[in-house]
Amino acid sequence: MSSFEVPSQITIHHEPAPNTKRIWRAFWILSVVTLGELALGLSIYNIHKGPNPSEMMVLFFKGVICILTLAKGYYIAWVFMHMGDESKLFRRSIVVPLLLFIWFIIAFLHDGNAYREARDSNAGEFKVIKNDVPAAVLERGQKD
């Protein structure tokens, strides 16, 4: 067996890419935010299991989870899609339609909830109310 000799032009030492530190920082930030979301989700589960579930606390935690999820999405786009390196006008041309899309989702959820409440209520039922209407008026209405 022959021993392997490394030519002098080739180096074995490998240095990390210059953006490695930025990627690791993004990894740790996203990990911490995700763990926070999981902790909030588990606390929602425990609130529902408890003797007196507080609906306001559950809604608050769900709102915080939604905000953290949107912040993670924005941060992912900022770092991994290189939005932070783009011009301010280009960033706004991307973010403003996304905000309108979020508004659009909220409007559809509100409209769907209104439809569900109207469907589940007695709004579609008609009640026949007997009035003391003279017979002559009823006959005249039937002839027209």
N, C-alpha and C. Protein backbone atom coordinates (compact mmCIF):
# COMPACT_ATOMS: atom_id res chain seq x y z
N MET A 1 0.83 -1.18 0.00
CA MET A 1 0.00 0.00 0.00
C MET A 1 0.87 1.24 0.00
N SER A 2 0.47 2.17 -0.78
CA SER A 2 1.24 3.41 -0.84
C SER A 2 0.56 4.45 0.04
N SER A 3 1.36 5.30 0.59
CA SER A 3 0.79 6.37 1.41
C SER A 3 0.33 7.51 0.51
N PHE A 4 -0.66 8.18 0.97
CA PHE A 4 -1.25 9.28 0.20
C PHE A 4 -0.54 10.58 0.53
N GLU A 5 -0.05 11.26 -0.46
CA GLU A 5 0.63 12.53 -0.24
C GLU A 5 -0.21 13.65 -0.83
N VAL A 6 -0.34 14.70 -0.06
CA VAL A 6 -1.13 15.85 -0.49
C VAL A 6 -0.21 16.81 -1.23
N PRO A 7 -0.57 17.17 -2.46
CA PRO A 7 0.25 18.16 -3.17
C PRO A 7 0.24 19.49 -2.44
N SER A 8 1.26 20.27 -2.65
CA SER A 8 1.39 21.52 -1.93
C SER A 8 0.35 22.56 -2.34
N GLN A 9 -0.25 22.41 -3.51
CA GLN A 9 -1.23 23.39 -3.96
C GLN A 9 -2.60 23.18 -3.28
N ILE A 10 -2.88 22.01 -2.77
CA ILE A 10 -4.19 21.68 -2.19
C ILE A 10 -4.10 21.78 -0.68
N THR A 11 -5.05 22.46 -0.10
CA THR A 11 -5.10 22.56 1.35
C THR A 11 -6.29 21.75 1.86
N ILE A 12 -6.11 21.12 2.97
CA ILE A 12 -7.15 20.30 3.57
C ILE A 12 -8.08 21.15 4.43
N HIS A 13 -7.58 22.21 4.98
CA HIS A 13 -8.37 23.06 5.88
C HIS A 13 -9.52 23.71 5.10
N HIS A 14 -10.70 23.60 5.68
CA HIS A 14 -11.89 24.18 5.04
C HIS A 14 -12.44 25.30 5.91
N GLU A 15 -12.53 26.48 5.36
CA GLU A 15 -13.10 27.61 6.10
C GLU A 15 -14.56 27.77 5.71
N PRO A 16 -15.39 28.13 6.67
CA PRO A 16 -16.82 28.29 6.35
C PRO A 16 -17.05 29.47 5.41
N ALA A 17 -18.15 29.41 4.73
CA ALA A 17 -18.53 30.50 3.82
C ALA A 17 -18.77 31.76 4.62
N PRO A 18 -18.66 32.92 4.00
CA PRO A 18 -18.81 34.17 4.75
C PRO A 18 -20.21 34.37 5.34
N ASN A 19 -21.26 33.79 4.76
CA ASN A 19 -22.62 33.98 5.28
C ASN A 19 -23.04 32.93 6.28
N THR A 20 -22.13 32.07 6.70
CA THR A 20 -22.49 31.01 7.64
C THR A 20 -22.97 31.58 8.97
N LYS A 21 -22.32 32.63 9.42
CA LYS A 21 -22.72 33.24 10.70
C LYS A 21 -24.14 33.78 10.61
N ARG A 22 -24.50 34.36 9.49
CA ARG A 22 -25.85 34.91 9.31
C ARG A 22 -26.90 33.78 9.29
N ILE A 23 -26.55 32.67 8.66
CA ILE A 23 -27.48 31.54 8.60
C ILE A 23 -27.66 30.92 9.98
N TRP A 24 -26.59 30.77 10.72
CA TRP A 24 -26.72 30.21 12.07
C TRP A 24 -27.52 31.13 12.99
N ARG A 25 -27.33 32.44 12.84
CA ARG A 25 -28.11 33.39 13.65
C ARG A 25 -29.59 33.26 13.31
N ALA A 26 -29.91 33.15 12.02
CA ALA A 26 -31.30 32.97 11.60
C ALA A 26 -31.85 31.65 12.15
N PHE A 27 -31.03 30.60 12.13
CA PHE A 27 -31.46 29.31 12.67
C PHE A 27 -31.84 29.42 14.13
N TRP A 28 -30.99 30.07 14.93
CA TRP A 28 -31.26 30.16 16.36
C TRP A 28 -32.46 31.06 16.64
N ILE A 29 -32.60 32.14 15.92
CA ILE A 29 -33.76 33.02 16.12
C ILE A 29 -35.05 32.28 15.79
N LEU A 30 -35.07 31.60 14.65
CA LEU A 30 -36.27 30.85 14.26
C LEU A 30 -36.54 29.70 15.21
N SER A 31 -35.51 29.07 15.75
CA SER A 31 -35.70 27.98 16.71
C SER A 31 -36.33 28.49 18.00
N VAL A 32 -35.84 29.62 18.49
CA VAL A 32 -36.38 30.18 19.73
C VAL A 32 -37.85 30.60 19.55
N VAL A 33 -38.15 31.23 18.42
CA VAL A 33 -39.54 31.64 18.17
C VAL A 33 -40.44 30.42 18.03
N THR A 34 -39.97 29.38 17.36
CA THR A 34 -40.76 28.16 17.22
C THR A 34 -40.98 27.48 18.55
N LEU A 35 -39.97 27.43 19.39
CA LEU A 35 -40.15 26.86 20.73
C LEU A 35 -41.14 27.68 21.55
N GLY A 36 -41.11 29.00 21.37
CA GLY A 36 -42.11 29.84 22.05
C GLY A 36 -43.52 29.54 21.57
N GLU A 37 -43.68 29.33 20.27
CA GLU A 37 -44.99 28.97 19.74
C GLU A 37 -45.46 27.62 20.29
N LEU A 38 -44.54 26.67 20.37
CA LEU A 38 -44.91 25.37 20.93
C LEU A 38 -45.29 25.48 22.40
N ALA A 39 -44.58 26.29 23.15
CA ALA A 39 -44.91 26.49 24.57
C ALA A 39 -46.30 27.11 24.71
N LEU A 40 -46.60 28.09 23.86
CA LEU A 40 -47.93 28.69 23.91
C LEU A 40 -49.01 27.67 23.52
N GLY A 41 -48.72 26.83 22.52
CA GLY A 41 -49.68 25.80 22.13
C GLY A 41 -49.92 24.80 23.24
N LEU A 42 -48.87 24.40 23.94
CA LEU A 42 -49.05 23.49 25.07
C LEU A 42 -49.81 24.15 26.21
N SER A 43 -49.58 25.43 26.41
CA SER A 43 -50.33 26.13 27.47
C SER A 43 -51.81 26.24 27.10
N ILE A 44 -52.12 26.40 25.81
CA ILE A 44 -53.52 26.40 25.39
C ILE A 44 -54.14 25.04 25.68
N TYR A 45 -53.39 23.98 25.39
CA TYR A 45 -53.87 22.63 25.66
C TYR A 45 -54.15 22.46 27.16
N ASN A 46 -53.22 22.93 28.00
CA ASN A 46 -53.40 22.80 29.45
C ASN A 46 -54.55 23.66 29.96
N ILE A 47 -54.78 24.81 29.34
CA ILE A 47 -55.90 25.64 29.75
C ILE A 47 -57.21 24.92 29.46
N HIS A 48 -57.29 24.26 28.31
CA HIS A 48 -58.52 23.52 27.96
C HIS A 48 -58.72 22.32 28.87
N LYS A 49 -57.63 21.72 29.35
CA LYS A 49 -57.74 20.56 30.25
C LYS A 49 -58.10 20.98 31.67
N GLY A 50 -57.83 22.22 32.03
CA GLY A 50 -58.02 22.68 33.40
C GLY A 50 -59.49 22.77 33.79
N PRO A 51 -59.74 23.04 35.08
CA PRO A 51 -61.12 23.09 35.57
C PRO A 51 -61.90 24.30 35.06
N ASN A 52 -61.25 25.44 34.93
CA ASN A 52 -61.92 26.66 34.48
C ASN A 52 -61.21 27.22 33.25
N PRO A 53 -61.55 26.73 32.07
CA PRO A 53 -60.85 27.26 30.88
C PRO A 53 -61.24 28.71 30.62
N SER A 54 -60.24 29.55 30.46
CA SER A 54 -60.46 30.97 30.20
C SER A 54 -60.40 31.21 28.70
N GLU A 55 -61.53 31.56 28.10
CA GLU A 55 -61.58 31.78 26.66
C GLU A 55 -60.77 33.00 26.24
N MET A 56 -60.74 34.03 27.07
CA MET A 56 -59.97 35.22 26.73
C MET A 56 -58.47 34.92 26.69
N MET A 57 -58.01 34.09 27.62
CA MET A 57 -56.59 33.74 27.64
C MET A 57 -56.24 32.89 26.41
N VAL A 58 -57.14 31.97 26.04
CA VAL A 58 -56.90 31.14 24.86
C VAL A 58 -56.85 32.01 23.61
N LEU A 59 -57.78 32.95 23.49
CA LEU A 59 -57.78 33.85 22.32
C LEU A 59 -56.51 34.70 22.29
N PHE A 60 -56.07 35.15 23.45
CA PHE A 60 -54.84 35.94 23.52
C PHE A 60 -53.64 35.11 23.05
N PHE A 61 -53.53 33.87 23.55
CA PHE A 61 -52.42 33.01 23.14
C PHE A 61 -52.48 32.71 21.65
N LYS A 62 -53.66 32.46 21.11
CA LYS A 62 -53.79 32.19 19.68
C LYS A 62 -53.38 33.42 18.87
N GLY A 63 -53.73 34.60 19.34
CA GLY A 63 -53.32 35.83 18.65
C GLY A 63 -51.81 36.00 18.67
N VAL A 64 -51.19 35.69 19.80
CA VAL A 64 -49.73 35.80 19.90
C VAL A 64 -49.07 34.79 18.96
N ILE A 65 -49.63 33.57 18.87
CA ILE A 65 -49.08 32.57 17.96
C ILE A 65 -49.19 33.04 16.51
N CYS A 66 -50.32 33.65 16.14
CA CYS A 66 -50.47 34.17 14.78
C CYS A 66 -49.45 35.26 14.48
N ILE A 67 -49.24 36.16 15.43
CA ILE A 67 -48.27 37.24 15.24
C ILE A 67 -46.86 36.67 15.12
N LEU A 68 -46.51 35.69 15.96
CA LEU A 68 -45.18 35.08 15.88
C LEU A 68 -44.99 34.35 14.55
N THR A 69 -46.04 33.70 14.06
CA THR A 69 -45.93 33.00 12.78
C THR A 69 -45.72 33.98 11.63
N LEU A 70 -46.44 35.09 11.65
CA LEU A 70 -46.24 36.10 10.61
C LEU A 70 -44.84 36.71 10.70
N ALA A 71 -44.37 36.92 11.92
CA ALA A 71 -43.02 37.47 12.08
C ALA A 71 -41.97 36.48 11.56
N LYS A 72 -42.17 35.18 11.80
CA LYS A 72 -41.23 34.19 11.28
C LYS A 72 -41.23 34.19 9.75
N GLY A 73 -42.42 34.26 9.16
CA GLY A 73 -42.49 34.30 7.70
C GLY A 73 -41.79 35.51 7.14
N TYR A 74 -41.98 36.67 7.77
CA TYR A 74 -41.32 37.88 7.32
C TYR A 74 -39.81 37.75 7.47
N TYR A 75 -39.35 37.18 8.58
CA TYR A 75 -37.91 37.03 8.81
C TYR A 75 -37.29 36.05 7.83
N ILE A 76 -38.00 34.98 7.52
CA ILE A 76 -37.50 34.00 6.54
C ILE A 76 -37.35 34.68 5.18
N ALA A 77 -38.36 35.47 4.79
CA ALA A 77 -38.25 36.18 3.51
C ALA A 77 -37.12 37.20 3.56
N TRP A 78 -36.93 37.83 4.69
CA TRP A 78 -35.89 38.86 4.84
C TRP A 78 -34.49 38.26 4.70
N VAL A 79 -34.27 37.09 5.32
CA VAL A 79 -32.92 36.50 5.33
C VAL A 79 -32.70 35.58 4.13
N PHE A 80 -33.56 34.58 3.98
CA PHE A 80 -33.29 33.54 2.99
C PHE A 80 -33.70 33.92 1.57
N MET A 81 -34.62 34.86 1.43
CA MET A 81 -34.97 35.34 0.09
C MET A 81 -34.26 36.66 -0.21
N HIS A 82 -33.37 37.06 0.69
CA HIS A 82 -32.51 38.23 0.52
C HIS A 82 -33.30 39.52 0.32
N MET A 83 -34.45 39.63 0.96
CA MET A 83 -35.23 40.87 0.86
C MET A 83 -34.54 42.02 1.60
N GLY A 84 -33.74 41.70 2.60
CA GLY A 84 -33.02 42.74 3.32
C GLY A 84 -31.97 43.43 2.48
N ASP A 85 -31.52 42.77 1.41
CA ASP A 85 -30.49 43.34 0.55
C ASP A 85 -31.07 44.16 -0.61
N GLU A 86 -32.39 44.14 -0.76
CA GLU A 86 -33.02 44.83 -1.88
C GLU A 86 -33.31 46.29 -1.55
N SER A 87 -33.73 47.04 -2.55
CA SER A 87 -34.04 48.45 -2.33
C SER A 87 -35.37 48.58 -1.58
N LYS A 88 -35.54 49.74 -0.96
CA LYS A 88 -36.72 49.98 -0.14
C LYS A 88 -38.00 49.92 -0.97
N LEU A 89 -37.97 50.46 -2.16
CA LEU A 89 -39.15 50.46 -3.03
C LEU A 89 -39.54 49.04 -3.43
N PHE A 90 -38.57 48.21 -3.74
CA PHE A 90 -38.85 46.82 -4.11
C PHE A 90 -39.43 46.05 -2.93
N ARG A 91 -38.87 46.27 -1.72
CA ARG A 91 -39.41 45.60 -0.53
C ARG A 91 -40.85 45.99 -0.29
N ARG A 92 -41.15 47.27 -0.43
CA ARG A 92 -42.54 47.72 -0.23
C ARG A 92 -43.47 47.15 -1.28
N SER A 93 -42.99 47.01 -2.51
CA SER A 93 -43.85 46.44 -3.56
C SER A 93 -44.16 44.97 -3.30
N ILE A 94 -43.38 44.32 -2.47
CA ILE A 94 -43.66 42.93 -2.08
C ILE A 94 -44.51 42.89 -0.82
N VAL A 95 -44.21 43.71 0.17
CA VAL A 95 -44.87 43.63 1.48
C VAL A 95 -46.29 44.18 1.44
N VAL A 96 -46.54 45.27 0.73
CA VAL A 96 -47.88 45.87 0.72
C VAL A 96 -48.93 44.91 0.14
N PRO A 97 -48.68 44.23 -0.98
CA PRO A 97 -49.68 43.25 -1.43
C PRO A 97 -49.88 42.10 -0.43
N LEU A 98 -48.83 41.71 0.29
CA LEU A 98 -49.00 40.67 1.30
C LEU A 98 -49.91 41.14 2.42
N LEU A 99 -49.76 42.40 2.83
CA LEU A 99 -50.65 42.95 3.85
C LEU A 99 -52.09 42.99 3.35
N LEU A 100 -52.28 43.34 2.08
CA LEU A 100 -53.62 43.31 1.52
C LEU A 100 -54.17 41.89 1.46
N PHE A 101 -53.31 40.93 1.21
CA PHE A 101 -53.73 39.53 1.18
C PHE A 101 -54.18 39.08 2.57
N ILE A 102 -53.46 39.50 3.61
CA ILE A 102 -53.86 39.18 4.98
C ILE A 102 -55.21 39.81 5.28
N TRP A 103 -55.41 41.06 4.86
CA TRP A 103 -56.71 41.70 5.05
C TRP A 103 -57.81 40.92 4.31
N PHE A 104 -57.49 40.44 3.13
CA PHE A 104 -58.44 39.67 2.32
C PHE A 104 -58.84 38.39 3.05
N ILE A 105 -57.90 37.70 3.67
CA ILE A 105 -58.20 36.49 4.42
C ILE A 105 -59.10 36.81 5.60
N ILE A 106 -58.80 37.89 6.33
CA ILE A 106 -59.62 38.28 7.48
C ILE A 106 -61.03 38.62 7.03
N ALA A 107 -61.18 39.32 5.90
CA ALA A 107 -62.51 39.66 5.40
C ALA A 107 -63.30 38.41 5.02
N PHE A 108 -62.65 37.44 4.38
CA PHE A 108 -63.35 36.20 4.04
C PHE A 108 -63.75 35.42 5.28
N LEU A 109 -62.89 35.37 6.29
CA LEU A 109 -63.25 34.69 7.54
C LEU A 109 -64.44 35.36 8.21
N HIS A 110 -64.45 36.69 8.21
CA HIS A 110 -65.56 37.42 8.81
C HIS A 110 -66.86 37.16 8.04
N ASP A 111 -66.80 37.18 6.71
CA ASP A 111 -67.97 36.94 5.90
C ASP A 111 -68.47 35.50 6.08
N GLY A 112 -67.56 34.55 6.13
CA GLY A 112 -67.96 33.16 6.34
C GLY A 112 -68.59 32.95 7.69
N ASN A 113 -68.08 33.63 8.71
CA ASN A 113 -68.67 33.53 10.04
C ASN A 113 -70.07 34.14 10.06
N ALA A 114 -70.26 35.27 9.38
CA ALA A 114 -71.58 35.88 9.31
C ALA A 114 -72.56 34.96 8.60
N TYR A 115 -72.11 34.29 7.53
CA TYR A 115 -72.97 33.35 6.82
C TYR A 115 -73.34 32.18 7.72
N ARG A 116 -72.37 31.67 8.47
CA ARG A 116 -72.64 30.54 9.37
C ARG A 116 -73.63 30.92 10.45
N GLU A 117 -73.48 32.10 11.02
CA GLU A 117 -74.41 32.54 12.06
C GLU A 117 -75.81 32.75 11.50
N ALA A 118 -75.91 33.29 10.28
CA ALA A 118 -77.22 33.49 9.66
C ALA A 118 -77.86 32.14 9.34
N ARG A 119 -77.07 31.19 8.91
CA ARG A 119 -77.58 29.87 8.58
C ARG A 119 -78.08 29.15 9.83
N ASP A 120 -77.36 29.30 10.94
CA ASP A 120 -77.72 28.60 12.16
C ASP A 120 -78.82 29.29 12.94
N SER A 121 -79.16 30.52 12.59
CA SER A 121 -80.20 31.24 13.32
C SER A 121 -81.56 30.96 12.68
N ASN A 122 -82.57 31.60 13.19
CA ASN A 122 -83.92 31.45 12.66
C ASN A 122 -84.22 32.52 11.62
N ALA A 123 -83.24 33.08 11.00
CA ALA A 123 -83.45 34.16 10.05
C ALA A 123 -84.18 33.69 8.80
N GLY A 124 -84.06 32.44 8.44
CA GLY A 124 -84.69 31.94 7.23
C GLY A 124 -86.12 31.49 7.42
N GLU A 125 -86.58 31.43 8.65
CA GLU A 125 -87.95 30.97 8.90
C GLU A 125 -88.93 32.13 8.81
N PHE A 126 -90.08 31.83 8.25
CA PHE A 126 -91.14 32.83 8.15
C PHE A 126 -92.24 32.47 9.12
N LYS A 127 -92.69 33.46 9.85
CA LYS A 127 -93.80 33.24 10.77
C LYS A 127 -95.05 33.87 10.16
N VAL A 128 -96.10 33.12 10.15
CA VAL A 128 -97.37 33.63 9.65
C VAL A 128 -98.11 34.22 10.84
N ILE A 129 -98.37 35.50 10.72
CA ILE A 129 -99.07 36.20 11.79
C ILE A 129 -100.48 36.47 11.31
N LYS A 130 -101.45 36.01 12.10
CA LYS A 130 -102.85 36.27 11.75
C LYS A 130 -103.23 37.65 12.26
N ASN A 131 -103.62 38.45 11.34
CA ASN A 131 -104.10 39.79 11.70
C ASN A 131 -105.61 39.81 11.53
N ASP A 132 -106.18 40.75 12.14
CA ASP A 132 -107.62 40.95 11.95
C ASP A 132 -107.83 41.82 10.73
N VAL A 133 -107.70 41.20 9.57
CA VAL A 133 -107.86 41.90 8.30
C VAL A 133 -109.27 41.62 7.80
N PRO A 134 -109.99 42.66 7.43
CA PRO A 134 -111.34 42.43 6.92
C PRO A 134 -111.31 41.56 5.66
N ALA A 135 -112.35 40.80 5.47
CA ALA A 135 -112.44 39.88 4.35
C ALA A 135 -112.43 40.63 3.02
N ALA A 136 -113.01 41.82 2.97
CA ALA A 136 -113.05 42.58 1.73
C ALA A 136 -111.65 42.95 1.25
N VAL A 137 -110.74 43.26 2.18
CA VAL A 137 -109.35 43.61 1.84
C VAL A 137 -108.64 42.37 1.30
N LEU A 138 -108.87 41.22 1.94
CA LEU A 138 -108.23 39.99 1.47
C LEU A 138 -108.71 39.62 0.07
N GLU A 139 -110.00 39.78 -0.19
CA GLU A 139 -110.53 39.44 -1.50
C GLU A 139 -109.98 40.40 -2.55
N ARG A 140 -109.85 41.66 -2.23
CA ARG A 140 -109.32 42.64 -3.18
C ARG A 140 -107.87 42.32 -3.50
N GLY A 141 -107.07 41.85 -2.53
CA GLY A 141 -105.68 41.50 -2.76
C GLY A 141 -105.55 40.29 -3.65
N GLN A 142 -106.50 39.37 -3.59
CA GLN A 142 -106.42 38.18 -4.41
C GLN A 142 -106.81 38.46 -5.86
N LYS A 143 -107.67 39.48 -6.09
CA LYS A 143 -108.09 39.79 -7.45
C LYS A 143 -106.99 40.49 -8.24
N ASP A 144 -106.14 41.26 -7.60
CA ASP A 144 -105.09 42.03 -8.28
C ASP A 144 -104.03 41.17 -8.76
